[in-house]
């Protein structure tokens, strides 16, 4: 049993050195939602589904995001059937 765990630890260390590791992208602060829209286009996504509630859509929070995505060439579908908290 000890041999199994040693082999497992060795294998994990070996694979962590040869496999590429991509650190996650963190977007925060004012304008981060629009930054995310640009990153979506940069990463090559052609279609996006925005999931929200009707209140956010009616207030106008979603419109700038939709516009930024469409300007970047991303097709946007909006589902606003989520119940607000």
N, C-alpha and C. Protein backbone atom coordinates (compact mmCIF):
# COMPACT_ATOMS: atom_id res chain seq x y z
N UNK A 1 0.82 -1.19 0.00
CA UNK A 1 0.00 0.00 0.00
C UNK A 1 0.87 1.26 0.00
N UNK A 2 1.94 1.25 0.76
CA UNK A 2 2.84 2.40 0.81
C UNK A 2 3.48 2.61 -0.56
N UNK A 3 3.81 1.54 -1.23
CA UNK A 3 4.41 1.64 -2.55
C UNK A 3 3.46 2.33 -3.54
N UNK A 4 2.17 2.05 -3.43
CA UNK A 4 1.17 2.68 -4.28
C UNK A 4 1.19 4.19 -4.10
N UNK A 5 1.19 4.67 -2.86
CA UNK A 5 1.16 6.10 -2.60
C UNK A 5 2.46 6.78 -3.01
N UNK A 6 3.56 6.11 -2.87
CA UNK A 6 4.83 6.68 -3.33
C UNK A 6 4.85 6.80 -4.85
N UNK A 7 4.36 5.75 -5.51
CA UNK A 7 4.30 5.80 -6.97
C UNK A 7 3.36 6.91 -7.43
N UNK A 8 2.23 7.03 -6.76
CA UNK A 8 1.25 8.07 -7.10
C UNK A 8 1.86 9.46 -6.92
N UNK A 9 2.56 9.68 -5.82
CA UNK A 9 3.20 10.98 -5.57
C UNK A 9 4.25 11.26 -6.64
N UNK A 10 5.03 10.23 -6.99
CA UNK A 10 6.04 10.40 -8.04
C UNK A 10 5.38 10.76 -9.37
N UNK A 11 4.32 10.08 -9.72
CA UNK A 11 3.62 10.32 -10.97
C UNK A 11 3.04 11.73 -11.02
N UNK A 12 2.47 12.18 -9.95
CA UNK A 12 1.91 13.54 -9.90
C UNK A 12 3.02 14.57 -10.07
N UNK A 13 4.12 14.39 -9.37
CA UNK A 13 5.24 15.33 -9.49
C UNK A 13 5.80 15.33 -10.92
N UNK A 14 5.93 14.15 -11.50
CA UNK A 14 6.47 14.04 -12.85
C UNK A 14 5.55 14.72 -13.86
N UNK A 15 4.27 14.44 -13.78
CA UNK A 15 3.32 15.04 -14.73
C UNK A 15 3.18 16.54 -14.54
N UNK A 16 3.29 17.02 -13.31
CA UNK A 16 3.17 18.46 -13.08
C UNK A 16 4.35 19.23 -13.68
N UNK A 17 5.46 18.56 -13.89
CA UNK A 17 6.63 19.22 -14.48
C UNK A 17 6.59 19.23 -16.01
N UNK A 18 5.95 18.23 -16.60
CA UNK A 18 5.96 18.16 -18.06
C UNK A 18 4.69 18.70 -18.71
N UNK A 19 3.59 18.72 -17.99
CA UNK A 19 2.34 19.23 -18.56
C UNK A 19 2.26 20.74 -18.37
N UNK A 20 1.77 21.46 -19.37
CA UNK A 20 1.66 22.92 -19.22
C UNK A 20 0.57 23.28 -18.23
N UNK A 21 0.81 24.33 -17.50
CA UNK A 21 -0.16 24.82 -16.52
C UNK A 21 -0.54 26.23 -16.89
N UNK A 22 -1.81 26.46 -17.10
CA UNK A 22 -2.28 27.80 -17.41
C UNK A 22 -2.97 28.36 -16.18
N UNK A 23 -2.49 29.48 -15.72
CA UNK A 23 -3.13 30.09 -14.56
C UNK A 23 -4.43 30.75 -14.99
N UNK A 24 -5.42 30.75 -14.14
CA UNK A 24 -6.72 31.32 -14.50
C UNK A 24 -6.63 32.84 -14.64
N UNK A 25 -7.48 33.37 -15.48
CA UNK A 25 -7.54 34.81 -15.70
C UNK A 25 -8.53 35.39 -14.68
N UNK A 26 -8.10 36.41 -13.96
CA UNK A 26 -8.95 37.05 -12.97
C UNK A 26 -9.25 38.47 -13.43
N UNK A 27 -10.52 38.78 -13.56
CA UNK A 27 -10.96 40.11 -13.93
C UNK A 27 -11.76 40.66 -12.76
N UNK A 28 -11.39 41.85 -12.31
CA UNK A 28 -12.12 42.43 -11.18
C UNK A 28 -12.10 43.94 -11.28
N UNK A 29 -13.04 44.54 -10.61
CA UNK A 29 -13.09 46.00 -10.56
C UNK A 29 -14.00 46.59 -11.63
N UNK A 30 -14.04 47.91 -11.67
CA UNK A 30 -14.89 48.59 -12.66
C UNK A 30 -14.47 48.25 -14.08
N UNK A 31 -15.44 47.95 -14.91
CA UNK A 31 -15.15 47.61 -16.30
C UNK A 31 -14.76 46.18 -16.54
N UNK A 32 -14.77 45.35 -15.51
CA UNK A 32 -14.33 43.97 -15.69
C UNK A 32 -15.30 43.17 -16.57
N UNK A 33 -16.58 43.49 -16.54
CA UNK A 33 -17.54 42.78 -17.39
C UNK A 33 -17.26 43.07 -18.85
N UNK A 34 -16.92 44.31 -19.18
CA UNK A 34 -16.59 44.65 -20.56
C UNK A 34 -15.25 44.03 -20.97
N UNK A 35 -14.32 43.93 -20.03
CA UNK A 35 -13.06 43.23 -20.30
C UNK A 35 -13.33 41.77 -20.64
N UNK A 36 -14.26 41.18 -19.89
CA UNK A 36 -14.62 39.78 -20.14
C UNK A 36 -15.19 39.62 -21.54
N UNK A 37 -15.99 40.58 -21.97
CA UNK A 37 -16.55 40.52 -23.32
C UNK A 37 -15.44 40.53 -24.37
N UNK A 38 -14.43 41.36 -24.18
CA UNK A 38 -13.31 41.39 -25.12
C UNK A 38 -12.53 40.08 -25.09
N UNK A 39 -12.35 39.51 -23.90
CA UNK A 39 -11.62 38.25 -23.79
C UNK A 39 -12.37 37.11 -24.45
N UNK A 40 -13.69 37.11 -24.35
CA UNK A 40 -14.49 36.08 -25.00
C UNK A 40 -14.24 36.09 -26.50
N UNK A 41 -14.22 37.27 -27.08
CA UNK A 41 -13.96 37.39 -28.52
C UNK A 41 -12.52 36.99 -28.84
N UNK A 42 -11.58 37.40 -28.01
CA UNK A 42 -10.17 37.07 -28.24
C UNK A 42 -9.93 35.57 -28.19
N UNK A 43 -10.63 34.88 -27.32
CA UNK A 43 -10.47 33.43 -27.19
C UNK A 43 -11.14 32.66 -28.33
N UNK A 44 -11.88 33.38 -29.18
CA UNK A 44 -12.42 32.73 -30.37
C UNK A 44 -13.84 32.21 -30.25
N UNK A 45 -14.55 32.59 -29.22
CA UNK A 45 -15.93 32.14 -29.10
C UNK A 45 -16.81 32.93 -30.07
N UNK A 46 -17.67 32.25 -30.79
CA UNK A 46 -18.51 32.90 -31.79
C UNK A 46 -19.93 33.11 -31.33
N UNK A 47 -20.36 32.33 -30.34
CA UNK A 47 -21.74 32.44 -29.84
C UNK A 47 -21.71 32.38 -28.31
N UNK A 48 -22.55 33.23 -27.68
CA UNK A 48 -22.60 33.30 -26.23
C UNK A 48 -24.05 33.33 -25.78
N UNK A 49 -24.33 32.66 -24.67
CA UNK A 49 -25.64 32.71 -24.04
C UNK A 49 -25.50 33.48 -22.74
N UNK A 50 -26.15 34.64 -22.64
CA UNK A 50 -26.17 35.41 -21.40
C UNK A 50 -27.40 35.00 -20.62
N UNK A 51 -27.20 34.57 -19.40
CA UNK A 51 -28.29 34.13 -18.54
C UNK A 51 -28.47 35.17 -17.45
N UNK A 52 -29.67 35.73 -17.35
CA UNK A 52 -29.94 36.81 -16.40
C UNK A 52 -31.40 36.78 -15.99
N UNK A 53 -31.80 37.76 -15.23
CA UNK A 53 -33.22 37.90 -14.91
C UNK A 53 -33.78 39.12 -15.63
N UNK A 54 -35.11 39.22 -15.65
CA UNK A 54 -35.75 40.31 -16.40
C UNK A 54 -35.43 41.68 -15.83
N UNK A 55 -35.25 41.76 -14.51
CA UNK A 55 -34.99 43.05 -13.88
C UNK A 55 -33.67 43.64 -14.38
N UNK A 56 -32.61 42.85 -14.40
CA UNK A 56 -31.32 43.35 -14.89
C UNK A 56 -31.39 43.74 -16.36
N UNK A 57 -32.16 43.00 -17.12
CA UNK A 57 -32.30 43.34 -18.54
C UNK A 57 -33.09 44.63 -18.72
N UNK A 58 -34.17 44.80 -17.94
CA UNK A 58 -35.00 46.00 -18.05
C UNK A 58 -34.28 47.24 -17.55
N UNK A 59 -33.45 47.10 -16.52
CA UNK A 59 -32.72 48.23 -15.96
C UNK A 59 -31.63 48.70 -16.93
N UNK A 60 -31.15 47.80 -17.78
CA UNK A 60 -30.15 48.18 -18.77
C UNK A 60 -28.74 47.73 -18.44
N UNK A 61 -28.61 46.81 -17.51
CA UNK A 61 -27.29 46.31 -17.15
C UNK A 61 -26.72 45.41 -18.25
N UNK A 62 -27.59 44.70 -18.93
CA UNK A 62 -27.16 43.71 -19.92
C UNK A 62 -26.85 44.36 -21.28
N UNK A 63 -27.48 45.47 -21.59
CA UNK A 63 -27.33 46.10 -22.92
C UNK A 63 -25.88 46.43 -23.27
N UNK A 64 -25.08 47.04 -22.38
CA UNK A 64 -23.68 47.32 -22.75
C UNK A 64 -22.87 46.05 -23.01
N UNK A 65 -23.17 44.99 -22.27
CA UNK A 65 -22.46 43.73 -22.48
C UNK A 65 -22.83 43.13 -23.83
N UNK A 66 -24.11 43.16 -24.14
CA UNK A 66 -24.56 42.65 -25.43
C UNK A 66 -23.93 43.45 -26.56
N UNK A 67 -23.90 44.75 -26.42
CA UNK A 67 -23.33 45.61 -27.46
C UNK A 67 -21.83 45.34 -27.64
N UNK A 68 -21.11 45.20 -26.53
CA UNK A 68 -19.66 44.95 -26.61
C UNK A 68 -19.38 43.61 -27.28
N UNK A 69 -20.18 42.60 -26.96
CA UNK A 69 -19.98 41.30 -27.58
C UNK A 69 -20.28 41.35 -29.07
N UNK A 70 -21.37 42.01 -29.43
CA UNK A 70 -21.73 42.09 -30.85
C UNK A 70 -20.72 42.90 -31.64
N UNK A 71 -20.18 43.96 -31.05
CA UNK A 71 -19.15 44.74 -31.73
C UNK A 71 -17.87 43.93 -31.94
N UNK A 72 -17.64 42.96 -31.06
CA UNK A 72 -16.46 42.10 -31.19
C UNK A 72 -16.72 40.93 -32.13
N UNK A 73 -17.92 40.85 -32.68
CA UNK A 73 -18.23 39.79 -33.64
C UNK A 73 -18.77 38.52 -33.01
N UNK A 74 -19.26 38.61 -31.80
CA UNK A 74 -19.80 37.44 -31.10
C UNK A 74 -21.33 37.51 -31.16
N UNK A 75 -21.95 36.41 -31.58
CA UNK A 75 -23.40 36.33 -31.63
C UNK A 75 -23.92 36.10 -30.21
N UNK A 76 -24.92 36.89 -29.78
CA UNK A 76 -25.39 36.85 -28.40
C UNK A 76 -26.86 36.44 -28.36
N UNK A 77 -27.15 35.48 -27.49
CA UNK A 77 -28.53 35.11 -27.17
C UNK A 77 -28.71 35.41 -25.69
N UNK A 78 -29.87 35.95 -25.32
CA UNK A 78 -30.13 36.31 -23.92
C UNK A 78 -31.31 35.50 -23.42
N UNK A 79 -31.10 34.84 -22.29
CA UNK A 79 -32.17 34.14 -21.58
C UNK A 79 -32.42 34.90 -20.29
N UNK A 80 -33.62 35.48 -20.18
CA UNK A 80 -33.93 36.28 -18.98
C UNK A 80 -35.04 35.65 -18.15
N UNK A 81 -35.10 34.35 -18.14
CA UNK A 81 -36.14 33.64 -17.40
C UNK A 81 -35.73 33.21 -16.00
N UNK A 82 -34.59 33.67 -15.53
CA UNK A 82 -34.13 33.30 -14.18
C UNK A 82 -34.90 34.14 -13.16
N UNK A 83 -35.29 33.51 -12.06
CA UNK A 83 -35.97 34.24 -11.00
C UNK A 83 -34.97 35.03 -10.20
N UNK A 84 -35.23 36.33 -9.93
CA UNK A 84 -34.28 37.14 -9.17
C UNK A 84 -34.23 36.72 -7.71
N UNK A 85 -33.07 36.94 -7.09
CA UNK A 85 -32.91 36.62 -5.67
C UNK A 85 -33.53 37.70 -4.82
